[in-house]
């Protein structure tokens, strides 16, 4: 059970890190010009950018995210977690029918 909460904490940290890292990266599209093939044509002959490290960190975070998602799915099946709907007791529904006049 302690391992389950550790994986949840790791998953949360990786989710936040992945969001921040993706938002820090520069876009490749170049705006509307990138849709029609313009604006990014000089990138073919350019030298590798200094953003290679952040791209590798993104890939590592994505892999950790997928592995922790899979681990949480398998662990929750073994812990026999129940749905929130199953935990709610049956609530009687009051009949609100009014007689027709």
PDB file of N, CA and C in Angstrom:
ATOM      1  N   UNK A   1       0.821  -1.181   0.000  1.00  0.00           N
ATOM      2  CA  UNK A   1       0.000   0.000   0.000  1.00  0.00           C
ATOM      3  C   UNK A   1       0.874   1.258   0.000  1.00  0.00           C
ATOM      4  N   UNK A   2       2.022   1.197   0.671  1.00  0.00           N
ATOM      5  CA  UNK A   2       2.941   2.338   0.682  1.00  0.00           C
ATOM      6  C   UNK A   2       3.508   2.560  -0.711  1.00  0.00           C
ATOM      7  N   UNK A   3       3.790   1.478  -1.423  1.00  0.00           N
ATOM      8  CA  UNK A   3       4.297   1.583  -2.793  1.00  0.00           C
ATOM      9  C   UNK A   3       3.269   2.245  -3.699  1.00  0.00           C
ATOM     10  N   UNK A   4       1.997   1.966  -3.471  1.00  0.00           N
ATOM     11  CA  UNK A   4       0.919   2.561  -4.269  1.00  0.00           C
ATOM     12  C   UNK A   4       0.924   4.079  -4.107  1.00  0.00           C
ATOM     13  N   UNK A   5       1.033   4.561  -2.880  1.00  0.00           N
ATOM     14  CA  UNK A   5       1.046   6.002  -2.643  1.00  0.00           C
ATOM     15  C   UNK A   5       2.338   6.652  -3.145  1.00  0.00           C
ATOM     16  N   UNK A   6       3.442   5.910  -3.118  1.00  0.00           N
ATOM     17  CA  UNK A   6       4.685   6.411  -3.684  1.00  0.00           C
ATOM     18  C   UNK A   6       4.558   6.594  -5.192  1.00  0.00           C
ATOM     19  N   UNK A   7       3.945   5.636  -5.851  1.00  0.00           N
ATOM     20  CA  UNK A   7       3.762   5.734  -7.306  1.00  0.00           C
ATOM     21  C   UNK A   7       2.798   6.869  -7.643  1.00  0.00           C
ATOM     22  N   UNK A   8       1.773   7.077  -6.824  1.00  0.00           N
ATOM     23  CA  UNK A   8       0.860   8.205  -7.045  1.00  0.00           C
ATOM     24  C   UNK A   8       1.620   9.527  -6.922  1.00  0.00           C
ATOM     25  N   UNK A   9       2.455   9.649  -5.906  1.00  0.00           N
ATOM     26  CA  UNK A   9       3.234  10.883  -5.728  1.00  0.00           C
ATOM     27  C   UNK A   9       4.197  11.102  -6.894  1.00  0.00           C
ATOM     28  N   UNK A  10       4.871  10.034  -7.324  1.00  0.00           N
ATOM     29  CA  UNK A  10       5.776  10.126  -8.468  1.00  0.00           C
ATOM     30  C   UNK A  10       5.019  10.513  -9.735  1.00  0.00           C
ATOM     31  N   UNK A  11       3.844   9.931  -9.912  1.00  0.00           N
ATOM     32  CA  UNK A  11       3.010  10.234 -11.080  1.00  0.00           C
ATOM     33  C   UNK A  11       2.597  11.703 -11.079  1.00  0.00           C
ATOM     34  N   UNK A  12       2.222  12.220  -9.933  1.00  0.00           N
ATOM     35  CA  UNK A  12       1.829  13.629  -9.820  1.00  0.00           C
ATOM     36  C   UNK A  12       3.001  14.550 -10.141  1.00  0.00           C
ATOM     37  N   UNK A  13       4.176  14.242  -9.612  1.00  0.00           N
ATOM     38  CA  UNK A  13       5.365  15.069  -9.864  1.00  0.00           C
ATOM     39  C   UNK A  13       5.728  15.043 -11.340  1.00  0.00           C
ATOM     40  N   UNK A  14       5.655  13.869 -11.955  1.00  0.00           N
ATOM     41  CA  UNK A  14       5.980  13.753 -13.382  1.00  0.00           C
ATOM     42  C   UNK A  14       4.949  14.494 -14.227  1.00  0.00           C
ATOM     43  N   UNK A  15       3.683  14.454 -13.835  1.00  0.00           N
ATOM     44  CA  UNK A  15       2.650  15.193 -14.577  1.00  0.00           C
ATOM     45  C   UNK A  15       2.928  16.682 -14.567  1.00  0.00           C
ATOM     46  N   UNK A  16       3.240  17.224 -13.405  1.00  0.00           N
ATOM     47  CA  UNK A  16       3.526  18.657 -13.299  1.00  0.00           C
ATOM     48  C   UNK A  16       4.794  18.997 -14.083  1.00  0.00           C
ATOM     49  N   UNK A  17       5.827  18.170 -13.955  1.00  0.00           N
ATOM     50  CA  UNK A  17       7.077  18.416 -14.682  1.00  0.00           C
ATOM     51  C   UNK A  17       6.859  18.365 -16.188  1.00  0.00           C
ATOM     52  N   UNK A  18       6.063  17.417 -16.643  1.00  0.00           N
ATOM     53  CA  UNK A  18       5.795  17.282 -18.076  1.00  0.00           C
ATOM     54  C   UNK A  18       5.046  18.490 -18.609  1.00  0.00           C
ATOM     55  N   UNK A  19       4.095  18.988 -17.849  1.00  0.00           N
ATOM     56  CA  UNK A  19       3.359  20.187 -18.271  1.00  0.00           C
ATOM     57  C   UNK A  19       4.310  21.375 -18.377  1.00  0.00           C
ATOM     58  N   UNK A  20       5.159  21.565 -17.370  1.00  0.00           N
ATOM     59  CA  UNK A  20       6.075  22.705 -17.374  1.00  0.00           C
ATOM     60  C   UNK A  20       7.086  22.589 -18.514  1.00  0.00           C
ATOM     61  N   UNK A  21       7.630  21.396 -18.726  1.00  0.00           N
ATOM     62  CA  UNK A  21       8.640  21.207 -19.765  1.00  0.00           C
ATOM     63  C   UNK A  21       8.049  21.432 -21.150  1.00  0.00           C
ATOM     64  N   UNK A  22       6.853  20.937 -21.390  1.00  0.00           N
ATOM     65  CA  UNK A  22       6.228  21.132 -22.697  1.00  0.00           C
ATOM     66  C   UNK A  22       5.929  22.606 -22.938  1.00  0.00           C
ATOM     67  N   UNK A  23       5.503  23.309 -21.899  1.00  0.00           N
ATOM     68  CA  UNK A  23       5.222  24.733 -22.072  1.00  0.00           C
ATOM     69  C   UNK A  23       6.488  25.559 -22.282  1.00  0.00           C
ATOM     70  N   UNK A  24       7.631  25.091 -21.811  1.00  0.00           N
ATOM     71  CA  UNK A  24       8.887  25.816 -21.997  1.00  0.00           C
ATOM     72  C   UNK A  24       9.469  25.649 -23.395  1.00  0.00           C
ATOM     73  N   UNK A  25       9.072  24.607 -24.110  1.00  0.00           N
ATOM     74  CA  UNK A  25       9.640  24.356 -25.425  1.00  0.00           C
ATOM     75  C   UNK A  25       9.098  25.340 -26.454  1.00  0.00           C
ATOM     76  N   UNK A  26       9.949  25.682 -27.404  1.00  0.00           N
ATOM     77  CA  UNK A  26       9.541  26.562 -28.495  1.00  0.00           C
ATOM     78  C   UNK A  26       8.802  25.746 -29.543  1.00  0.00           C
ATOM     79  N   UNK A  27       7.809  26.350 -30.159  1.00  0.00           N
ATOM     80  CA  UNK A  27       7.040  25.669 -31.181  1.00  0.00           C
ATOM     81  C   UNK A  27       7.812  25.541 -32.482  1.00  0.00           C
ATOM     82  N   UNK A  28       7.514  24.505 -33.254  1.00  0.00           N
ATOM     83  CA  UNK A  28       8.170  24.291 -34.537  1.00  0.00           C
ATOM     84  C   UNK A  28       7.398  24.927 -35.683  1.00  0.00           C
ATOM     85  N   UNK A  29       6.110  25.149 -35.495  1.00  0.00           N
ATOM     86  CA  UNK A  29       5.251  25.527 -36.611  1.00  0.00           C
ATOM     87  C   UNK A  29       5.524  26.887 -37.204  1.00  0.00           C
ATOM     88  N   UNK A  30       5.915  27.857 -36.443  1.00  0.00           N
ATOM     89  CA  UNK A  30       6.122  29.190 -36.966  1.00  0.00           C
ATOM     90  C   UNK A  30       4.826  29.924 -37.239  1.00  0.00           C
ATOM     91  N   UNK A  31       3.774  29.571 -36.525  1.00  0.00           N
ATOM     92  CA  UNK A  31       2.496  30.264 -36.694  1.00  0.00           C
ATOM     93  C   UNK A  31       1.747  29.796 -37.925  1.00  0.00           C
ATOM     94  N   UNK A  32       0.998  30.710 -38.517  1.00  0.00           N
ATOM     95  CA  UNK A  32       0.188  30.373 -39.691  1.00  0.00           C
ATOM     96  C   UNK A  32       1.054  30.084 -40.913  1.00  0.00           C
ATOM     97  N   UNK A  33       2.248  30.660 -40.966  1.00  0.00           N
ATOM     98  CA  UNK A  33       3.120  30.412 -42.113  1.00  0.00           C
ATOM     99  C   UNK A  33       3.576  28.959 -42.153  1.00  0.00           C
ATOM    100  N   UNK A  34       3.645  28.309 -40.990  1.00  0.00           N
ATOM    101  CA  UNK A  34       4.065  26.920 -40.943  1.00  0.00           C
ATOM    102  C   UNK A  34       3.047  25.969 -41.536  1.00  0.00           C
ATOM    103  N   UNK A  35       1.812  26.379 -41.602  1.00  0.00           N
ATOM    104  CA  UNK A  35       0.775  25.518 -42.166  1.00  0.00           C
ATOM    105  C   UNK A  35       0.985  25.321 -43.657  1.00  0.00           C
ATOM    106  N   UNK A  36       1.396  26.389 -44.348  1.00  0.00           N
ATOM    107  CA  UNK A  36       1.534  26.341 -45.795  1.00  0.00           C
ATOM    108  C   UNK A  36       2.963  26.090 -46.257  1.00  0.00           C
ATOM    109  N   UNK A  37       3.830  25.712 -45.337  1.00  0.00           N
ATOM    110  CA  UNK A  37       5.190  25.357 -45.720  1.00  0.00           C
ATOM    111  C   UNK A  37       6.188  26.487 -45.603  1.00  0.00           C
ATOM    112  N   UNK A  38       5.781  27.675 -45.280  1.00  0.00           N
ATOM    113  CA  UNK A  38       6.716  28.793 -45.152  1.00  0.00           C
ATOM    114  C   UNK A  38       7.140  28.984 -43.716  1.00  0.00           C
ATOM    115  N   UNK A  39       8.124  29.791 -43.510  1.00  0.00           N
ATOM    116  CA  UNK A  39       8.530  30.156 -42.165  1.00  0.00           C
ATOM    117  C   UNK A  39       9.467  29.184 -41.496  1.00  0.00           C
ATOM    118  N   UNK A  40       9.468  27.947 -41.844  1.00  0.00           N
ATOM    119  CA  UNK A  40      10.335  26.977 -41.196  1.00  0.00           C
ATOM    120  C   UNK A  40      11.251  26.270 -42.160  1.00  0.00           C
ATOM    121  N   UNK A  41      11.354  26.767 -43.385  1.00  0.00           N
ATOM    122  CA  UNK A  41      12.147  26.064 -44.391  1.00  0.00           C
ATOM    123  C   UNK A  41      13.637  26.164 -44.120  1.00  0.00           C
ATOM    124  N   UNK A  42      14.096  27.189 -43.383  1.00  0.00           N
ATOM    125  CA  UNK A  42      15.517  27.315 -43.108  1.00  0.00           C
ATOM    126  C   UNK A  42      15.978  26.364 -42.018  1.00  0.00           C
ATOM    127  N   UNK A  43      15.093  25.637 -41.394  1.00  0.00           N
ATOM    128  CA  UNK A  43      15.470  24.728 -40.323  1.00  0.00           C
ATOM    129  C   UNK A  43      16.128  23.460 -40.848  1.00  0.00           C
ATOM    130  N   UNK A  44      16.002  23.197 -42.125  1.00  0.00           N
ATOM    131  CA  UNK A  44      16.582  21.974 -42.690  1.00  0.00           C
ATOM    132  C   UNK A  44      18.102  22.022 -42.591  1.00  0.00           C
ATOM    133  N   UNK A  45      18.696  23.178 -42.858  1.00  0.00           N
ATOM    134  CA  UNK A  45      20.141  23.287 -42.894  1.00  0.00           C
ATOM    135  C   UNK A  45      20.729  23.888 -41.623  1.00  0.00           C
ATOM    136  N   UNK A  46      19.915  24.111 -40.628  1.00  0.00           N
ATOM    137  CA  UNK A  46      20.423  24.739 -39.408  1.00  0.00           C
ATOM    138  C   UNK A  46      21.126  23.721 -38.518  1.00  0.00           C
ATOM    139  N   UNK A  47      21.979  24.235 -37.661  1.00  0.00           N
ATOM    140  CA  UNK A  47      22.702  23.378 -36.719  1.00  0.00           C
ATOM    141  C   UNK A  47      21.741  22.921 -35.626  1.00  0.00           C
ATOM    142  N   UNK A  48      22.064  21.823 -34.947  1.00  0.00           N
ATOM    143  CA  UNK A  48      21.198  21.377 -33.844  1.00  0.00           C
ATOM    144  C   UNK A  48      21.092  22.451 -32.777  1.00  0.00           C
ATOM    145  N   UNK A  49      19.901  22.645 -32.308  1.00  0.00           N
ATOM    146  CA  UNK A  49      19.676  23.711 -31.336  1.00  0.00           C
ATOM    147  C   UNK A  49      20.106  23.275 -29.937  1.00  0.00           C
ATOM    148  N   UNK A  50      20.151  24.236 -29.050  1.00  0.00           N
ATOM    149  CA  UNK A  50      20.499  23.944 -27.671  1.00  0.00           C
ATOM    150  C   UNK A  50      19.345  23.334 -26.903  1.00  0.00           C
ATOM    151  N   UNK A  51      18.213  23.112 -27.545  1.00  0.00           N
ATOM    152  CA  UNK A  51      17.036  22.560 -26.895  1.00  0.00           C
ATOM    153  C   UNK A  51      17.028  21.035 -26.916  1.00  0.00           C
ATOM    154  N   UNK A  52      18.121  20.424 -27.362  1.00  0.00           N
ATOM    155  CA  UNK A  52      18.157  18.962 -27.433  1.00  0.00           C
ATOM    156  C   UNK A  52      18.010  18.349 -26.036  1.00  0.00           C
ATOM    157  N   UNK A  53      18.582  18.989 -25.027  1.00  0.00           N
ATOM    158  CA  UNK A  53      18.487  18.462 -23.668  1.00  0.00           C
ATOM    159  C   UNK A  53      17.048  18.466 -23.174  1.00  0.00           C
ATOM    160  N   UNK A  54      16.334  19.563 -23.420  1.00  0.00           N
ATOM    161  CA  UNK A  54      14.953  19.659 -22.929  1.00  0.00           C
ATOM    162  C   UNK A  54      14.046  18.672 -23.669  1.00  0.00           C
ATOM    163  N   UNK A  55      14.379  18.363 -24.917  1.00  0.00           N
ATOM    164  CA  UNK A  55      13.602  17.366 -25.646  1.00  0.00           C
ATOM    165  C   UNK A  55      13.833  15.974 -25.069  1.00  0.00           C
ATOM    166  N   UNK A  56      15.072  15.688 -24.665  1.00  0.00           N
ATOM    167  CA  UNK A  56      15.367  14.394 -24.046  1.00  0.00           C
ATOM    168  C   UNK A  56      14.669  14.266 -22.693  1.00  0.00           C
ATOM    169  N   UNK A  57      14.649  15.364 -21.939  1.00  0.00           N
ATOM    170  CA  UNK A  57      13.956  15.351 -20.651  1.00  0.00           C
ATOM    171  C   UNK A  57      12.460  15.121 -20.863  1.00  0.00           C
ATOM    172  N   UNK A  58      11.907  15.700 -21.923  1.00  0.00           N
ATOM    173  CA  UNK A  58      10.495  15.496 -22.237  1.00  0.00           C
ATOM    174  C   UNK A  58      10.206  14.032 -22.538  1.00  0.00           C
ATOM    175  N   UNK A  59      11.069  13.403 -23.310  1.00  0.00           N
ATOM    176  CA  UNK A  59      10.884  11.990 -23.646  1.00  0.00           C
ATOM    177  C   UNK A  59      10.979  11.126 -22.393  1.00  0.00           C
ATOM    178  N   UNK A  60      11.940  11.413 -21.529  1.00  0.00           N
ATOM    179  CA  UNK A  60      12.100  10.630 -20.292  1.00  0.00           C
ATOM    180  C   UNK A  60      10.868  10.809 -19.402  1.00  0.00           C
ATOM    181  N   UNK A  61      10.389  12.043 -19.267  1.00  0.00           N
ATOM    182  CA  UNK A  61       9.191  12.283 -18.452  1.00  0.00           C
ATOM    183  C   UNK A  61       7.969  11.586 -19.036  1.00  0.00           C
ATOM    184  N   UNK A  62       7.850  11.578 -20.359  1.00  0.00           N
ATOM    185  CA  UNK A  62       6.717  10.905 -20.998  1.00  0.00           C
ATOM    186  C   UNK A  62       6.768   9.399 -20.756  1.00  0.00           C
ATOM    187  N   UNK A  63       7.951   8.819 -20.823  1.00  0.00           N
ATOM    188  CA  UNK A  63       8.094   7.378 -20.569  1.00  0.00           C
ATOM    189  C   UNK A  63       7.760   7.070 -19.114  1.00  0.00           C
ATOM    190  N   UNK A  64       8.253   7.881 -18.182  1.00  0.00           N
ATOM    191  CA  UNK A  64       7.941   7.666 -16.767  1.00  0.00           C
ATOM    192  C   UNK A  64       6.444   7.824 -16.530  1.00  0.00           C
ATOM    193  N   UNK A  65       5.815   8.803 -17.203  1.00  0.00           N
ATOM    194  CA  UNK A  65       4.370   9.003 -17.083  1.00  0.00           C
ATOM    195  C   UNK A  65       3.604   7.761 -17.538  1.00  0.00           C
ATOM    196  N   UNK A  66       3.998   7.195 -18.677  1.00  0.00           N
ATOM    197  CA  UNK A  66       3.312   5.996 -19.170  1.00  0.00           C
ATOM    198  C   UNK A  66       3.518   4.802 -18.241  1.00  0.00           C
ATOM    199  N   UNK A  67       4.733   4.641 -17.734  1.00  0.00           N
ATOM    200  CA  UNK A  67       5.004   3.517 -16.837  1.00  0.00           C
ATOM    201  C   UNK A  67       4.258   3.653 -15.511  1.00  0.00           C
ATOM    202  N   UNK A  68       4.206   4.854 -14.954  1.00  0.00           N
ATOM    203  CA  UNK A  68       3.471   5.027 -13.700  1.00  0.00           C
ATOM    204  C   UNK A  68       1.960   4.884 -13.920  1.00  0.00           C
ATOM    205  N   UNK A  69       1.478   5.301 -15.086  1.00  0.00           N
ATOM    206  CA  UNK A  69       0.051   5.098 -15.389  1.00  0.00           C
ATOM    207  C   UNK A  69      -0.278   3.611 -15.442  1.00  0.00           C
ATOM    208  N   UNK A  70       0.571   2.856 -16.103  1.00  0.00           N
ATOM    209  CA  UNK A  70       0.369   1.405 -16.188  1.00  0.00           C
ATOM    210  C   UNK A  70       0.483   0.760 -14.809  1.00  0.00           C
ATOM    211  N   UNK A  71       1.468   1.188 -14.023  1.00  0.00           N
ATOM    212  CA  UNK A  71       1.649   0.625 -12.682  1.00  0.00           C
ATOM    213  C   UNK A  71       0.453   0.937 -11.788  1.00  0.00           C
ATOM    214  N   UNK A  72      -0.067   2.168 -11.867  1.00  0.00           N
ATOM    215  CA  UNK A  72      -1.232   2.517 -11.053  1.00  0.00           C
ATOM    216  C   UNK A  72      -2.461   1.726 -11.457  1.00  0.00           C
ATOM    217  N   UNK A  73      -2.610   1.466 -12.742  1.00  0.00           N
ATOM    218  CA  UNK A  73      -3.734   0.654 -13.206  1.00  0.00           C
ATOM    219  C   UNK A  73      -3.645  -0.764 -12.659  1.00  0.00           C
ATOM    220  N   UNK A  74      -2.460  -1.349 -12.739  1.00  0.00           N
ATOM    221  CA  UNK A  74      -2.288  -2.720 -12.237  1.00  0.00           C
ATOM    222  C   UNK A  74      -2.421  -2.780 -10.718  1.00  0.00           C
ATOM    223  N   UNK A  75      -1.871  -1.801 -10.021  1.00  0.00           N
ATOM    224  CA  UNK A  75      -1.947  -1.791  -8.558  1.00  0.00           C
ATOM    225  C   UNK A  75      -3.371  -1.575  -8.069  1.00  0.00           C
ATOM    226  N   UNK A  76      -4.123  -0.726  -8.732  1.00  0.00           N
ATOM    227  CA  UNK A  76      -5.494  -0.480  -8.292  1.00  0.00           C
ATOM    228  C   UNK A  76      -6.368  -1.706  -8.506  1.00  0.00           C
ATOM    229  N   UNK A  77      -6.049  -2.516  -9.494  1.00  0.00           N
ATOM    230  CA  UNK A  77      -6.792  -3.753  -9.688  1.00  0.00           C
ATOM    231  C   UNK A  77      -6.488  -4.753  -8.572  1.00  0.00           C
ATOM    232  N   UNK A  78      -5.253  -4.765  -8.105  1.00  0.00           N
ATOM    233  CA  UNK A  78      -4.872  -5.689  -7.037  1.00  0.00           C
ATOM    234  C   UNK A  78      -5.372  -5.230  -5.675  1.00  0.00           C
ATOM    235  N   UNK A  79      -5.432  -3.931  -5.462  1.00  0.00           N
ATOM    236  CA  UNK A  79      -5.890  -3.402  -4.183  1.00  0.00           C
ATOM    237  C   UNK A  79      -7.410  -3.505  -4.093  1.00  0.00           C
ATOM    238  N   UNK A  80      -8.035  -3.808  -5.183  1.00  0.00           N
ATOM    239  CA  UNK A  80      -9.487  -3.902  -5.329  1.00  0.00           C
ATOM    240  C   UNK A  80     -10.158  -2.587  -4.976  1.00  0.00           C
ATOM    241  N   UNK A  81      -9.696  -1.553  -5.614  1.00  0.00           N
ATOM    242  CA  UNK A  81     -10.307  -0.245  -5.453  1.00  0.00           C
ATOM    243  C   UNK A  81     -11.709  -0.285  -6.042  1.00  0.00           C
ATOM    244  N   UNK A  82     -12.603   0.428  -5.414  1.00  0.00           N
ATOM    245  CA  UNK A  82     -13.971   0.477  -5.898  1.00  0.00           C
ATOM    246  C   UNK A  82     -14.254   1.848  -6.462  1.00  0.00           C
ATOM    247  N   UNK A  83     -15.228   1.895  -7.308  1.00  0.00           N
ATOM    248  CA  UNK A  83     -15.659   3.157  -7.859  1.00  0.00           C
ATOM    249  C   UNK A  83     -16.370   3.970  -6.778  1.00  0.00           C
ATOM    250  N   UNK A  84     -16.372   5.263  -6.935  1.00  0.00           N
ATOM    251  CA  UNK A  84     -17.061   6.129  -5.981  1.00  0.00           C
ATOM    252  C   UNK A  84     -18.556   5.838  -6.003  1.00  0.00           C
ATOM    253  N   UNK A  85     -19.065   5.511  -7.146  1.00  0.00           N
ATOM    254  CA  UNK A  85     -20.495   5.207  -7.273  1.00  0.00           C
ATOM    255  C   UNK A  85     -20.857   3.968  -6.463  1.00  0.00           C
ATOM    256  N   UNK A  86     -19.970   2.993  -6.401  1.00  0.00           N
ATOM    257  CA  UNK A  86     -20.231   1.788  -5.618  1.00  0.00           C
ATOM    258  C   UNK A  86     -20.185   2.061  -4.115  1.00  0.00           C
ATOM    259  N   UNK A  87     -19.506   3.112  -3.697  1.00  0.00           N
ATOM    260  CA  UNK A  87     -19.385   3.421  -2.278  1.00  0.00           C
ATOM    261  C   UNK A  87     -20.589   4.188  -1.743  1.00  0.00           C
ATOM    262  N   UNK A  88     -21.372   4.775  -2.607  1.00  0.00           N
ATOM    263  CA  UNK A  88     -22.549   5.524  -2.183  1.00  0.00           C
ATOM    264  C   UNK A  88     -23.685   4.546  -1.939  1.00  0.00           C
ATOM    265  N   UNK A  89     -24.367   4.722  -0.810  1.00  0.00           N
ATOM    266  CA  UNK A  89     -25.497   3.839  -0.521  1.00  0.00           C
ATOM    267  C   UNK A  89     -26.669   4.208  -1.428  1.00  0.00           C
ATOM    268  N   UNK A  90     -27.575   3.298  -1.564  1.00  0.00           N
ATOM    269  CA  UNK A  90     -28.736   3.544  -2.415  1.00  0.00           C
ATOM    270  C   UNK A  90     -29.591   4.642  -1.797  1.00  0.00           C
ATOM    271  N   UNK A  91     -29.770   5.694  -2.535  1.00  0.00           N
ATOM    272  CA  UNK A  91     -30.571   6.826  -2.076  1.00  0.00           C
ATOM    273  C   UNK A  91     -31.947   6.708  -2.707  1.00  0.00           C
ATOM    274  N   UNK A  92     -32.983   6.654  -1.870  1.00  0.00           N
ATOM    275  CA  UNK A  92     -34.321   6.541  -2.459  1.00  0.00           C
ATOM    276  C   UNK A  92     -34.706   7.831  -3.169  1.00  0.00           C
ATOM    277  N   UNK A  93     -35.345   7.677  -4.298  1.00  0.00           N
ATOM    278  CA  UNK A  93     -35.794   8.827  -5.077  1.00  0.00           C
ATOM    279  C   UNK A  93     -37.228   9.095  -4.712  1.00  0.00           C
ATOM    280  N   UNK A  94     -37.481  10.319  -4.243  1.00  0.00           N
ATOM    281  CA  UNK A  94     -38.827  10.683  -3.838  1.00  0.00           C
ATOM    282  C   UNK A  94     -39.714  10.884  -5.061  1.00  0.00           C
ATOM    283  N   UNK A  95     -40.895  10.369  -4.969  1.00  0.00           N
ATOM    284  CA  UNK A  95     -41.841  10.519  -6.075  1.00  0.00           C
ATOM    285  C   UNK A  95     -42.461  11.912  -6.003  1.00  0.00           C
ATOM    286  N   UNK A  96     -42.326  12.663  -7.055  1.00  0.00           N
ATOM    287  CA  UNK A  96     -42.846  14.033  -7.068  1.00  0.00           C
ATOM    288  C   UNK A  96     -43.964  14.172  -8.099  1.00  0.00           C
ATOM    289  N   UNK A  97     -44.772  13.155  -8.192  1.00  0.00           N
ATOM    290  CA  UNK A  97     -45.897  13.224  -9.144  1.00  0.00           C
ATOM    291  C   UNK A  97     -47.060  13.916  -8.482  1.00  0.00           C
ATOM    292  N   UNK A  98     -47.613  14.872  -9.157  1.00  0.00           N
ATOM    293  CA  UNK A  98     -48.778  15.586  -8.659  1.00  0.00           C
ATOM    294  C   UNK A  98     -50.005  15.103  -9.409  1.00  0.00           C
ATOM    295  N   UNK A  99     -51.123  15.012  -8.705  1.00  0.00           N
ATOM    296  CA  UNK A  99     -52.313  14.530  -9.400  1.00  0.00           C
ATOM    297  C   UNK A  99     -52.790  15.546 -10.442  1.00  0.00           C
ATOM    298  N   UNK A 100     -53.275  15.022 -11.530  1.00  0.00           N
ATOM    299  CA  UNK A 100     -53.810  15.868 -12.605  1.00  0.00           C
ATOM    300  C   UNK A 100     -55.180  16.391 -12.232  1.00  0.00           C
ATOM    301  N   UNK A 101     -55.471  17.608 -12.532  1.00  0.00           N
ATOM    302  CA  UNK A 101     -56.772  18.186 -12.207  1.00  0.00           C
ATOM    303  C   UNK A 101     -57.672  18.214 -13.417  1.00  0.00           C
TER     304      UNK A 101
END
